[in-house]
N, C-alpha and C. Protein backbone atom coordinates (compact mmCIF):
# COMPACT_ATOMS: atom_id res chain seq x y z
N MET A 1 6.16 0.84 11.26
CA MET A 1 4.86 0.45 10.74
C MET A 1 4.74 -1.06 10.84
N THR A 2 3.59 -1.51 11.29
CA THR A 2 3.31 -2.94 11.43
C THR A 2 2.44 -3.42 10.26
N GLY A 3 2.29 -4.71 10.16
CA GLY A 3 1.40 -5.27 9.15
C GLY A 3 -0.03 -4.79 9.33
N ASP A 4 -0.47 -4.69 10.58
CA ASP A 4 -1.83 -4.17 10.84
C ASP A 4 -1.95 -2.72 10.40
N ASP A 5 -0.90 -1.93 10.62
CA ASP A 5 -0.91 -0.54 10.17
C ASP A 5 -1.04 -0.46 8.65
N LEU A 6 -0.32 -1.34 7.96
CA LEU A 6 -0.37 -1.34 6.49
C LEU A 6 -1.77 -1.74 6.01
N ARG A 7 -2.37 -2.73 6.64
CA ARG A 7 -3.74 -3.15 6.29
C ARG A 7 -4.71 -1.98 6.51
N ASP A 8 -4.58 -1.30 7.65
CA ASP A 8 -5.43 -0.15 7.92
C ASP A 8 -5.21 0.96 6.90
N ALA A 9 -3.96 1.14 6.49
CA ALA A 9 -3.63 2.17 5.50
C ALA A 9 -4.31 1.87 4.16
N ARG A 10 -4.38 0.60 3.78
CA ARG A 10 -5.06 0.26 2.53
C ARG A 10 -6.53 0.66 2.58
N GLY A 11 -7.16 0.47 3.73
CA GLY A 11 -8.55 0.88 3.90
C GLY A 11 -8.71 2.39 3.83
N ALA A 12 -7.83 3.08 4.54
CA ALA A 12 -7.88 4.55 4.56
C ALA A 12 -7.60 5.13 3.17
N LEU A 13 -6.66 4.55 2.46
CA LEU A 13 -6.35 5.05 1.12
C LEU A 13 -7.50 4.81 0.15
N GLY A 14 -8.19 3.70 0.30
CA GLY A 14 -9.36 3.45 -0.55
C GLY A 14 -10.41 4.53 -0.36
N ARG A 15 -10.61 4.95 0.89
CA ARG A 15 -11.56 6.04 1.16
C ARG A 15 -11.01 7.37 0.63
N LEU A 16 -9.74 7.64 0.91
CA LEU A 16 -9.12 8.90 0.49
C LEU A 16 -9.13 9.06 -1.02
N TRP A 17 -8.88 7.97 -1.73
CA TRP A 17 -8.83 8.01 -3.18
C TRP A 17 -10.18 7.81 -3.83
N GLY A 18 -11.24 7.72 -3.04
CA GLY A 18 -12.60 7.63 -3.57
C GLY A 18 -12.93 6.31 -4.25
N LEU A 19 -12.28 5.25 -3.84
CA LEU A 19 -12.53 3.94 -4.45
C LEU A 19 -13.76 3.25 -3.88
N GLY A 20 -14.17 3.63 -2.68
CA GLY A 20 -15.31 2.98 -2.05
C GLY A 20 -15.01 1.59 -1.53
N ARG A 21 -13.74 1.27 -1.43
CA ARG A 21 -13.27 -0.03 -0.93
C ARG A 21 -11.81 0.12 -0.57
N PRO A 22 -11.26 -0.82 0.19
CA PRO A 22 -9.82 -0.75 0.45
C PRO A 22 -9.02 -0.93 -0.84
N VAL A 23 -7.87 -0.32 -0.90
CA VAL A 23 -6.95 -0.55 -2.00
C VAL A 23 -6.53 -2.02 -1.92
N SER A 24 -6.56 -2.73 -3.03
CA SER A 24 -6.17 -4.14 -3.01
C SER A 24 -4.67 -4.27 -2.75
N MET A 25 -4.26 -5.46 -2.37
CA MET A 25 -2.83 -5.69 -2.14
C MET A 25 -2.03 -5.45 -3.42
N THR A 26 -2.56 -5.90 -4.54
CA THR A 26 -1.88 -5.70 -5.82
C THR A 26 -1.79 -4.23 -6.17
N GLU A 27 -2.88 -3.48 -5.99
CA GLU A 27 -2.85 -2.04 -6.26
C GLU A 27 -1.84 -1.34 -5.37
N MET A 28 -1.79 -1.73 -4.10
CA MET A 28 -0.84 -1.11 -3.18
C MET A 28 0.59 -1.42 -3.61
N GLY A 29 0.83 -2.65 -4.00
CA GLY A 29 2.15 -3.02 -4.48
C GLY A 29 2.57 -2.22 -5.70
N HIS A 30 1.64 -2.01 -6.63
CA HIS A 30 1.94 -1.19 -7.81
C HIS A 30 2.19 0.26 -7.40
N ALA A 31 1.38 0.79 -6.50
CA ALA A 31 1.55 2.18 -6.06
C ALA A 31 2.92 2.40 -5.43
N LEU A 32 3.44 1.36 -4.76
CA LEU A 32 4.74 1.45 -4.11
C LEU A 32 5.87 0.99 -5.03
N ARG A 33 5.53 0.65 -6.27
CA ARG A 33 6.49 0.18 -7.28
C ARG A 33 7.29 -1.03 -6.81
N LEU A 34 6.61 -1.97 -6.19
CA LEU A 34 7.27 -3.20 -5.77
C LEU A 34 7.44 -4.11 -6.98
N ALA A 35 8.48 -4.92 -6.95
CA ALA A 35 8.81 -5.79 -8.07
C ALA A 35 7.99 -7.08 -8.02
N GLY A 36 8.05 -7.81 -9.12
CA GLY A 36 7.41 -9.12 -9.20
C GLY A 36 6.20 -9.11 -10.10
N ALA A 37 5.81 -10.29 -10.51
CA ALA A 37 4.64 -10.44 -11.38
C ALA A 37 3.39 -9.94 -10.67
N ASP A 38 3.27 -10.20 -9.39
CA ASP A 38 2.16 -9.70 -8.58
C ASP A 38 2.74 -9.07 -7.32
N PRO A 39 2.92 -7.74 -7.31
CA PRO A 39 3.49 -7.09 -6.14
C PRO A 39 2.60 -7.19 -4.90
N GLY A 40 1.37 -7.64 -5.08
CA GLY A 40 0.48 -7.86 -3.95
C GLY A 40 0.98 -8.96 -3.02
N VAL A 41 1.78 -9.88 -3.56
CA VAL A 41 2.35 -10.94 -2.73
C VAL A 41 3.25 -10.34 -1.66
N SER A 42 4.02 -9.32 -2.04
CA SER A 42 4.89 -8.64 -1.06
C SER A 42 4.05 -7.95 0.01
N ILE A 43 2.97 -7.30 -0.40
CA ILE A 43 2.10 -6.63 0.57
C ILE A 43 1.52 -7.65 1.54
N ARG A 44 1.10 -8.80 1.02
CA ARG A 44 0.59 -9.87 1.88
C ARG A 44 1.65 -10.30 2.89
N ASP A 45 2.89 -10.46 2.43
CA ASP A 45 3.97 -10.87 3.33
C ASP A 45 4.23 -9.80 4.40
N TYR A 46 4.15 -8.54 4.03
CA TYR A 46 4.32 -7.46 5.03
C TYR A 46 3.21 -7.52 6.06
N GLU A 47 1.97 -7.66 5.59
CA GLU A 47 0.83 -7.65 6.51
C GLU A 47 0.83 -8.85 7.44
N ARG A 48 1.33 -9.97 6.99
CA ARG A 48 1.38 -11.18 7.83
C ARG A 48 2.61 -11.23 8.73
N GLY A 49 3.51 -10.26 8.57
CA GLY A 49 4.71 -10.23 9.40
C GLY A 49 5.83 -11.12 8.89
N LYS A 50 5.67 -11.67 7.71
CA LYS A 50 6.71 -12.53 7.14
C LYS A 50 7.93 -11.70 6.72
N THR A 51 7.68 -10.49 6.26
CA THR A 51 8.74 -9.57 5.83
C THR A 51 8.60 -8.27 6.61
N ARG A 52 9.74 -7.73 7.05
CA ARG A 52 9.74 -6.48 7.80
C ARG A 52 9.49 -5.31 6.85
N ILE A 53 8.67 -4.36 7.28
CA ILE A 53 8.39 -3.16 6.49
C ILE A 53 9.53 -2.19 6.72
N SER A 54 10.18 -1.78 5.62
CA SER A 54 11.33 -0.88 5.73
C SER A 54 10.89 0.54 6.07
N GLY A 55 11.82 1.31 6.56
CA GLY A 55 11.56 2.71 6.87
C GLY A 55 11.10 3.50 5.65
N PRO A 56 11.82 3.38 4.51
CA PRO A 56 11.38 4.13 3.33
C PRO A 56 9.98 3.75 2.86
N MET A 57 9.62 2.47 2.97
CA MET A 57 8.28 2.07 2.57
C MET A 57 7.25 2.67 3.52
N ALA A 58 7.54 2.66 4.81
CA ALA A 58 6.63 3.25 5.79
C ALA A 58 6.44 4.74 5.51
N VAL A 59 7.53 5.43 5.17
CA VAL A 59 7.44 6.85 4.86
C VAL A 59 6.56 7.07 3.63
N ALA A 60 6.73 6.24 2.59
CA ALA A 60 5.92 6.38 1.38
C ALA A 60 4.44 6.20 1.69
N VAL A 61 4.10 5.21 2.50
CA VAL A 61 2.70 4.98 2.87
C VAL A 61 2.18 6.16 3.68
N GLU A 62 2.97 6.65 4.63
CA GLU A 62 2.55 7.79 5.44
C GLU A 62 2.33 9.03 4.59
N MET A 63 3.18 9.22 3.57
CA MET A 63 3.00 10.37 2.68
C MET A 63 1.71 10.24 1.87
N MET A 64 1.40 9.03 1.42
CA MET A 64 0.14 8.82 0.69
C MET A 64 -1.04 9.10 1.61
N LEU A 65 -0.95 8.67 2.87
CA LEU A 65 -2.03 8.92 3.83
C LEU A 65 -2.20 10.42 4.09
N ALA A 66 -1.11 11.18 3.94
CA ALA A 66 -1.15 12.62 4.15
C ALA A 66 -1.62 13.37 2.91
N GLY A 67 -1.91 12.64 1.83
CA GLY A 67 -2.47 13.27 0.64
C GLY A 67 -1.62 13.19 -0.61
N ALA A 68 -0.40 12.69 -0.52
CA ALA A 68 0.43 12.55 -1.71
C ALA A 68 -0.08 11.38 -2.55
N LEU A 69 -0.23 11.62 -3.84
CA LEU A 69 -0.63 10.54 -4.74
C LEU A 69 0.60 9.75 -5.16
N PRO A 70 0.43 8.47 -5.47
CA PRO A 70 1.56 7.69 -5.98
C PRO A 70 2.09 8.34 -7.25
N PRO A 71 3.38 8.16 -7.55
CA PRO A 71 3.96 8.81 -8.73
C PRO A 71 3.29 8.45 -10.05
N ASP A 72 2.67 7.27 -10.11
CA ASP A 72 2.01 6.85 -11.35
C ASP A 72 0.50 7.02 -11.28
N GLY A 73 0.02 7.77 -10.29
CA GLY A 73 -1.41 7.95 -10.13
C GLY A 73 -2.04 6.86 -9.30
N VAL A 74 -3.31 7.01 -9.05
CA VAL A 74 -4.05 6.05 -8.24
C VAL A 74 -4.26 4.77 -9.06
N PRO A 75 -3.79 3.64 -8.54
CA PRO A 75 -3.96 2.39 -9.30
C PRO A 75 -5.42 1.96 -9.31
N GLN A 76 -5.82 1.36 -10.40
CA GLN A 76 -7.18 0.83 -10.54
C GLN A 76 -7.06 -0.61 -11.01
N ARG A 77 -7.82 -1.50 -10.39
CA ARG A 77 -7.77 -2.88 -10.87
C ARG A 77 -8.73 -3.10 -11.98
């Protein structure tokens, strides 16, 4: 999965989850249970290519795109 793929996934998940907008970077970070005060920073780094997207993270995003909800439900800002 590339940074562009992850950006596209945020858009697709926003539609899939009925948000009417792309999932924000922070919401995506929370859905993936990323650490830090603002997990959206990690999503930004993935999308910009600063950090490599791991296989397990790619699988989690692909599962959400296939209809699996995040374990804590759909994040809302």
